[in-house]
């Protein structure tokens, strides 16, 4: 019984670690997407989205 409890604790810790990795990767992806859709000169001419959540619309990568 004690061995099964130890296994459950190990599994729960692994799940927490994986969730932290997923959260970090989501943040990284969002940052990279923000950089990708920015215009090279930093001037907003209207071609690049300026509002959060607007980046995935009509953007070709």
PDB file of N, CA and C in Angstrom:
ATOM      1  N   UNK A   1       0.821  -1.193   0.000  1.00  0.00           N
ATOM      2  CA  UNK A   1       0.000   0.000   0.000  1.00  0.00           C
ATOM      3  C   UNK A   1       0.865   1.257   0.000  1.00  0.00           C
ATOM      4  N   UNK A   2       1.943   1.192   0.798  1.00  0.00           N
ATOM      5  CA  UNK A   2       2.836   2.347   0.898  1.00  0.00           C
ATOM      6  C   UNK A   2       3.532   2.611  -0.443  1.00  0.00           C
ATOM      7  N   UNK A   3       3.870   1.560  -1.155  1.00  0.00           N
ATOM      8  CA  UNK A   3       4.521   1.694  -2.464  1.00  0.00           C
ATOM      9  C   UNK A   3       3.591   2.374  -3.465  1.00  0.00           C
ATOM     10  N   UNK A   4       2.334   2.029  -3.431  1.00  0.00           N
ATOM     11  CA  UNK A   4       1.356   2.629  -4.341  1.00  0.00           C
ATOM     12  C   UNK A   4       1.201   4.124  -4.053  1.00  0.00           C
ATOM     13  N   UNK A   5       1.219   4.499  -2.793  1.00  0.00           N
ATOM     14  CA  UNK A   5       1.120   5.907  -2.408  1.00  0.00           C
ATOM     15  C   UNK A   5       2.350   6.678  -2.900  1.00  0.00           C
ATOM     16  N   UNK A   6       3.524   6.066  -2.793  1.00  0.00           N
ATOM     17  CA  UNK A   6       4.748   6.697  -3.280  1.00  0.00           C
ATOM     18  C   UNK A   6       4.679   6.891  -4.792  1.00  0.00           C
ATOM     19  N   UNK A   7       4.159   5.892  -5.487  1.00  0.00           N
ATOM     20  CA  UNK A   7       4.016   5.998  -6.935  1.00  0.00           C
ATOM     21  C   UNK A   7       3.066   7.133  -7.302  1.00  0.00           C
ATOM     22  N   UNK A   8       1.962   7.250  -6.564  1.00  0.00           N
ATOM     23  CA  UNK A   8       1.001   8.326  -6.821  1.00  0.00           C
ATOM     24  C   UNK A   8       1.642   9.690  -6.603  1.00  0.00           C
ATOM     25  N   UNK A   9       2.463   9.815  -5.569  1.00  0.00           N
ATOM     26  CA  UNK A   9       3.134  11.081  -5.298  1.00  0.00           C
ATOM     27  C   UNK A   9       4.119  11.424  -6.410  1.00  0.00           C
ATOM     28  N   UNK A  10       4.833  10.426  -6.899  1.00  0.00           N
ATOM     29  CA  UNK A  10       5.780  10.638  -7.994  1.00  0.00           C
ATOM     30  C   UNK A  10       5.035  11.066  -9.252  1.00  0.00           C
ATOM     31  N   UNK A  11       3.936  10.410  -9.533  1.00  0.00           N
ATOM     32  CA  UNK A  11       3.126  10.749 -10.705  1.00  0.00           C
ATOM     33  C   UNK A  11       2.577  12.168 -10.581  1.00  0.00           C
ATOM     34  N   UNK A  12       2.078  12.531  -9.401  1.00  0.00           N
ATOM     35  CA  UNK A  12       1.542  13.877  -9.203  1.00  0.00           C
ATOM     36  C   UNK A  12       2.629  14.930  -9.376  1.00  0.00           C
ATOM     37  N   UNK A  13       3.823  14.664  -8.892  1.00  0.00           N
ATOM     38  CA  UNK A  13       4.925  15.607  -9.050  1.00  0.00           C
ATOM     39  C   UNK A  13       5.303  15.741 -10.519  1.00  0.00           C
ATOM     40  N   UNK A  14       5.313  14.619 -11.219  1.00  0.00           N
ATOM     41  CA  UNK A  14       5.644  14.648 -12.658  1.00  0.00           C
ATOM     42  C   UNK A  14       4.610  15.455 -13.435  1.00  0.00           C
ATOM     43  N   UNK A  15       3.344  15.281 -13.092  1.00  0.00           N
ATOM     44  CA  UNK A  15       2.275  16.030 -13.760  1.00  0.00           C
ATOM     45  C   UNK A  15       2.442  17.530 -13.502  1.00  0.00           C
ATOM     46  N   UNK A  16       2.777  17.903 -12.273  1.00  0.00           N
ATOM     47  CA  UNK A  16       3.010  19.313 -11.954  1.00  0.00           C
ATOM     48  C   UNK A  16       4.182  19.867 -12.751  1.00  0.00           C
ATOM     49  N   UNK A  17       5.253  19.089 -12.862  1.00  0.00           N
ATOM     50  CA  UNK A  17       6.414  19.518 -13.640  1.00  0.00           C
ATOM     51  C   UNK A  17       6.053  19.716 -15.113  1.00  0.00           C
ATOM     52  N   UNK A  18       5.308  18.761 -15.651  1.00  0.00           N
ATOM     53  CA  UNK A  18       4.902  18.868 -17.052  1.00  0.00           C
ATOM     54  C   UNK A  18       3.985  20.070 -17.276  1.00  0.00           C
ATOM     55  N   UNK A  19       3.095  20.341 -16.324  1.00  0.00           N
ATOM     56  CA  UNK A  19       2.201  21.491 -16.451  1.00  0.00           C
ATOM     57  C   UNK A  19       2.999  22.791 -16.432  1.00  0.00           C
ATOM     58  N   UNK A  20       4.022  22.861 -15.587  1.00  0.00           N
ATOM     59  CA  UNK A  20       4.882  24.047 -15.558  1.00  0.00           C
ATOM     60  C   UNK A  20       5.605  24.230 -16.890  1.00  0.00           C
ATOM     61  N   UNK A  21       6.070  23.138 -17.467  1.00  0.00           N
ATOM     62  CA  UNK A  21       6.740  23.217 -18.763  1.00  0.00           C
ATOM     63  C   UNK A  21       5.777  23.701 -19.842  1.00  0.00           C
ATOM     64  N   UNK A  22       4.557  23.190 -19.817  1.00  0.00           N
ATOM     65  CA  UNK A  22       3.551  23.608 -20.792  1.00  0.00           C
ATOM     66  C   UNK A  22       3.269  25.102 -20.656  1.00  0.00           C
ATOM     67  N   UNK A  23       3.120  25.574 -19.431  1.00  0.00           N
ATOM     68  CA  UNK A  23       2.861  26.997 -19.208  1.00  0.00           C
ATOM     69  C   UNK A  23       4.007  27.861 -19.715  1.00  0.00           C
ATOM     70  N   UNK A  24       5.245  27.429 -19.465  1.00  0.00           N
ATOM     71  CA  UNK A  24       6.407  28.178 -19.943  1.00  0.00           C
ATOM     72  C   UNK A  24       6.455  28.193 -21.469  1.00  0.00           C
ATOM     73  N   UNK A  25       6.145  27.055 -22.089  1.00  0.00           N
ATOM     74  CA  UNK A  25       6.154  26.990 -23.546  1.00  0.00           C
ATOM     75  C   UNK A  25       5.052  27.836 -24.162  1.00  0.00           C
ATOM     76  N   UNK A  26       3.896  27.891 -23.524  1.00  0.00           N
ATOM     77  CA  UNK A  26       2.815  28.758 -24.012  1.00  0.00           C
ATOM     78  C   UNK A  26       3.254  30.215 -24.003  1.00  0.00           C
ATOM     79  N   UNK A  27       3.904  30.615 -22.920  1.00  0.00           N
ATOM     80  CA  UNK A  27       4.388  31.995 -22.807  1.00  0.00           C
ATOM     81  C   UNK A  27       5.424  32.288 -23.896  1.00  0.00           C
ATOM     82  N   UNK A  28       6.316  31.336 -24.130  1.00  0.00           N
ATOM     83  CA  UNK A  28       7.331  31.505 -25.156  1.00  0.00           C
ATOM     84  C   UNK A  28       6.701  31.617 -26.546  1.00  0.00           C
ATOM     85  N   UNK A  29       5.744  30.756 -26.840  1.00  0.00           N
ATOM     86  CA  UNK A  29       5.070  30.794 -28.138  1.00  0.00           C
ATOM     87  C   UNK A  29       4.367  32.128 -28.333  1.00  0.00           C
ATOM     88  N   UNK A  30       3.673  32.608 -27.312  1.00  0.00           N
ATOM     89  CA  UNK A  30       2.989  33.897 -27.423  1.00  0.00           C
ATOM     90  C   UNK A  30       3.983  35.026 -27.668  1.00  0.00           C
ATOM     91  N   UNK A  31       5.122  34.983 -26.998  1.00  0.00           N
ATOM     92  CA  UNK A  31       6.153  35.994 -27.203  1.00  0.00           C
ATOM     93  C   UNK A  31       6.684  35.930 -28.628  1.00  0.00           C
ATOM     94  N   UNK A  32       6.974  34.730 -29.100  1.00  0.00           N
ATOM     95  CA  UNK A  32       7.496  34.577 -30.455  1.00  0.00           C
ATOM     96  C   UNK A  32       6.487  35.029 -31.499  1.00  0.00           C
ATOM     97  N   UNK A  33       5.219  34.721 -31.296  1.00  0.00           N
ATOM     98  CA  UNK A  33       4.194  35.165 -32.239  1.00  0.00           C
ATOM     99  C   UNK A  33       4.078  36.690 -32.245  1.00  0.00           C
ATOM    100  N   UNK A  34       4.217  37.288 -31.087  1.00  0.00           N
ATOM    101  CA  UNK A  34       4.180  38.750 -31.016  1.00  0.00           C
ATOM    102  C   UNK A  34       5.337  39.358 -31.802  1.00  0.00           C
ATOM    103  N   UNK A  35       6.508  38.763 -31.675  1.00  0.00           N
ATOM    104  CA  UNK A  35       7.675  39.263 -32.401  1.00  0.00           C
ATOM    105  C   UNK A  35       7.494  39.067 -33.903  1.00  0.00           C
ATOM    106  N   UNK A  36       6.942  37.928 -34.299  1.00  0.00           N
ATOM    107  CA  UNK A  36       6.766  37.624 -35.718  1.00  0.00           C
ATOM    108  C   UNK A  36       5.828  38.622 -36.388  1.00  0.00           C
ATOM    109  N   UNK A  37       4.739  38.989 -35.728  1.00  0.00           N
ATOM    110  CA  UNK A  37       3.753  39.864 -36.367  1.00  0.00           C
ATOM    111  C   UNK A  37       4.106  41.341 -36.260  1.00  0.00           C
ATOM    112  N   UNK A  38       5.138  41.698 -35.503  1.00  0.00           N
ATOM    113  CA  UNK A  38       5.568  43.093 -35.437  1.00  0.00           C
ATOM    114  C   UNK A  38       6.207  43.491 -36.754  1.00  0.00           C
ATOM    115  N   UNK A  39       6.058  44.750 -37.093  1.00  0.00           N
ATOM    116  CA  UNK A  39       6.695  45.254 -38.300  1.00  0.00           C
ATOM    117  C   UNK A  39       8.162  45.536 -38.000  1.00  0.00           C
ATOM    118  N   UNK A  40       9.034  45.347 -38.995  1.00  0.00           N
ATOM    119  CA  UNK A  40      10.469  45.461 -38.757  1.00  0.00           C
ATOM    120  C   UNK A  40      10.916  46.820 -38.221  1.00  0.00           C
ATOM    121  N   UNK A  41      10.287  47.897 -38.655  1.00  0.00           N
ATOM    122  CA  UNK A  41      10.723  49.217 -38.218  1.00  0.00           C
ATOM    123  C   UNK A  41      10.034  49.679 -36.940  1.00  0.00           C
ATOM    124  N   UNK A  42       9.099  48.894 -36.440  1.00  0.00           N
ATOM    125  CA  UNK A  42       8.404  49.242 -35.205  1.00  0.00           C
ATOM    126  C   UNK A  42       7.280  50.249 -35.387  1.00  0.00           C
ATOM    127  N   UNK A  43       7.075  50.719 -36.612  1.00  0.00           N
ATOM    128  CA  UNK A  43       6.011  51.690 -36.896  1.00  0.00           C
ATOM    129  C   UNK A  43       4.761  50.925 -37.294  1.00  0.00           C
ATOM    130  N   UNK A  44       3.649  51.286 -36.694  1.00  0.00           N
ATOM    131  CA  UNK A  44       2.393  50.618 -37.013  1.00  0.00           C
ATOM    132  C   UNK A  44       1.711  51.342 -38.167  1.00  0.00           C
ATOM    133  N   UNK A  45       1.732  50.722 -39.326  1.00  0.00           N
ATOM    134  CA  UNK A  45       1.085  51.300 -40.499  1.00  0.00           C
ATOM    135  C   UNK A  45      -0.309  50.724 -40.695  1.00  0.00           C
ATOM    136  N   UNK A  46      -0.676  49.807 -39.836  1.00  0.00           N
ATOM    137  CA  UNK A  46      -1.971  49.156 -39.984  1.00  0.00           C
ATOM    138  C   UNK A  46      -1.846  47.762 -40.566  1.00  0.00           C
ATOM    139  N   UNK A  47      -0.678  47.433 -41.099  1.00  0.00           N
ATOM    140  CA  UNK A  47      -0.485  46.112 -41.690  1.00  0.00           C
ATOM    141  C   UNK A  47      -0.319  45.039 -40.615  1.00  0.00           C
ATOM    142  N   UNK A  48       0.267  45.414 -39.491  1.00  0.00           N
ATOM    143  CA  UNK A  48       0.454  44.462 -38.404  1.00  0.00           C
ATOM    144  C   UNK A  48      -0.616  44.692 -37.344  1.00  0.00           C
ATOM    145  N   UNK A  49      -1.130  43.628 -36.742  1.00  0.00           N
ATOM    146  CA  UNK A  49      -2.139  43.779 -35.689  1.00  0.00           C
ATOM    147  C   UNK A  49      -1.566  44.509 -34.474  1.00  0.00           C
ATOM    148  N   UNK A  50      -2.390  45.307 -33.824  1.00  0.00           N
ATOM    149  CA  UNK A  50      -1.927  46.074 -32.669  1.00  0.00           C
ATOM    150  C   UNK A  50      -2.615  45.676 -31.375  1.00  0.00           C
ATOM    151  N   UNK A  51      -3.725  44.970 -31.455  1.00  0.00           N
ATOM    152  CA  UNK A  51      -4.469  44.588 -30.257  1.00  0.00           C
ATOM    153  C   UNK A  51      -4.170  43.139 -29.881  1.00  0.00           C
ATOM    154  N   UNK A  52      -4.127  42.836 -28.585  1.00  0.00           N
ATOM    155  CA  UNK A  52      -3.921  41.443 -28.181  1.00  0.00           C
ATOM    156  C   UNK A  52      -5.057  40.557 -28.695  1.00  0.00           C
ATOM    157  N   UNK A  53      -4.714  39.379 -29.136  1.00  0.00           N
ATOM    158  CA  UNK A  53      -5.724  38.449 -29.634  1.00  0.00           C
ATOM    159  C   UNK A  53      -6.059  38.664 -31.089  1.00  0.00           C
ATOM    160  N   UNK A  54      -5.527  39.713 -31.695  1.00  0.00           N
ATOM    161  CA  UNK A  54      -5.830  40.029 -33.069  1.00  0.00           C
ATOM    162  C   UNK A  54      -4.787  39.420 -34.014  1.00  0.00           C
ATOM    163  N   UNK A  55      -3.698  38.900 -33.459  1.00  0.00           N
ATOM    164  CA  UNK A  55      -2.572  38.452 -34.240  1.00  0.00           C
ATOM    165  C   UNK A  55      -2.814  37.281 -35.165  1.00  0.00           C
ATOM    166  N   UNK A  56      -3.751  36.402 -34.853  1.00  0.00           N
ATOM    167  CA  UNK A  56      -3.924  35.195 -35.658  1.00  0.00           C
ATOM    168  C   UNK A  56      -4.815  35.423 -36.879  1.00  0.00           C
ATOM    169  N   UNK A  57      -5.423  36.558 -37.001  1.00  0.00           N
ATOM    170  CA  UNK A  57      -6.328  36.808 -38.124  1.00  0.00           C
ATOM    171  C   UNK A  57      -5.562  37.272 -39.348  1.00  0.00           C
ATOM    172  N   UNK A  58      -5.776  36.632 -40.455  1.00  0.00           N
ATOM    173  CA  UNK A  58      -5.228  37.002 -41.750  1.00  0.00           C
ATOM    174  C   UNK A  58      -3.716  37.234 -41.698  1.00  0.00           C
ATOM    175  N   UNK A  59      -3.010  36.389 -40.995  1.00  0.00           N
ATOM    176  CA  UNK A  59      -1.560  36.468 -40.935  1.00  0.00           C
ATOM    177  C   UNK A  59      -1.004  35.222 -41.601  1.00  0.00           C
ATOM    178  N   UNK A  60      -0.160  35.395 -42.579  1.00  0.00           N
ATOM    179  CA  UNK A  60       0.443  34.259 -43.279  1.00  0.00           C
ATOM    180  C   UNK A  60       1.848  34.043 -42.749  1.00  0.00           C
ATOM    181  N   UNK A  61       2.148  32.810 -42.333  1.00  0.00           N
ATOM    182  CA  UNK A  61       3.492  32.507 -41.836  1.00  0.00           C
ATOM    183  C   UNK A  61       4.090  31.425 -42.690  1.00  0.00           C
TER     184      UNK A  61
END
